[in-house]
Amino acid sequence: MLKCDFCGKESDRVARIALDADYDRLTVKHRQMYACPECSKKKDDERKKKKKA
């Protein structure tokens, strides 16, 4: 079982989440965070809303 870094719930699957708007995975050091499917969808929806604004 894996644990979501956002809600703490145990899950069979987690996805890696990048929170920084200027995220550059090749050169910028960052904390890796993993999200359950529900938190991953929530974060993706939040990003889509910010892009439209």
Protein backbone atom coordinates (compact mmCIF):
# COMPACT_ATOMS: atom_id res chain seq x y z
CA MET A 1 0.00 0.00 0.00
CA LEU A 2 1.16 3.54 -0.81
CA LYS A 3 0.33 6.72 1.10
CA CYS A 4 -0.88 10.03 -0.36
CA ASP A 5 1.33 12.99 0.67
CA PHE A 6 -1.69 15.32 0.51
CA CYS A 7 -4.51 13.58 2.41
CA GLY A 8 -2.57 10.75 4.09
CA LYS A 9 -4.93 8.08 2.75
CA GLU A 10 -3.48 4.71 1.75
CA SER A 11 -3.98 3.84 -1.91
CA ASP A 12 -3.02 1.16 -4.42
CA ARG A 13 -1.88 3.91 -6.81
CA VAL A 14 -0.31 7.33 -6.44
CA ALA A 15 0.78 9.92 -9.00
CA ARG A 16 3.67 12.36 -8.74
CA ILE A 17 2.51 15.96 -8.43
CA ALA A 18 4.49 19.09 -9.40
CA LEU A 19 3.18 22.21 -7.64
CA ASP A 20 5.50 24.93 -8.89
CA ALA A 21 4.23 26.98 -11.83
CA ASP A 22 7.79 27.29 -13.21
CA TYR A 23 8.57 23.62 -12.61
CA ASP A 24 11.64 22.36 -14.46
CA ARG A 25 12.16 18.70 -13.63
CA LEU A 26 15.60 18.55 -15.23
CA THR A 27 17.43 21.37 -13.43
CA VAL A 28 15.45 22.49 -10.35
CA LYS A 29 15.72 20.56 -7.08
CA HIS A 30 12.29 19.94 -5.57
CA ARG A 31 10.47 17.84 -3.04
CA GLN A 32 8.75 14.91 -4.69
CA MET A 33 5.15 14.49 -3.59
CA TYR A 34 2.73 11.73 -4.48
CA ALA A 35 -1.06 11.94 -4.61
CA CYS A 36 -3.86 9.37 -4.53
CA PRO A 37 -6.19 9.42 -7.58
CA GLU A 38 -8.68 11.73 -5.82
CA CYS A 39 -6.04 14.29 -4.78
CA SER A 40 -4.37 14.06 -8.19
CA LYS A 41 -7.66 14.94 -9.90
CA LYS A 42 -8.26 17.80 -7.46
CA LYS A 43 -4.79 19.26 -8.12
CA ASP A 44 -5.25 18.89 -11.89
CA ASP A 45 -8.63 20.66 -11.73
CA GLU A 46 -7.06 23.50 -9.71
CA ARG A 47 -4.31 23.93 -12.33
CA LYS A 48 -6.86 24.03 -15.14
CA LYS A 49 -8.84 26.75 -13.33
CA LYS A 50 -5.69 28.86 -12.84
CA LYS A 51 -4.77 28.52 -16.53
CA LYS A 52 -8.19 29.84 -17.59
CA ALA A 53 -7.97 32.85 -15.25
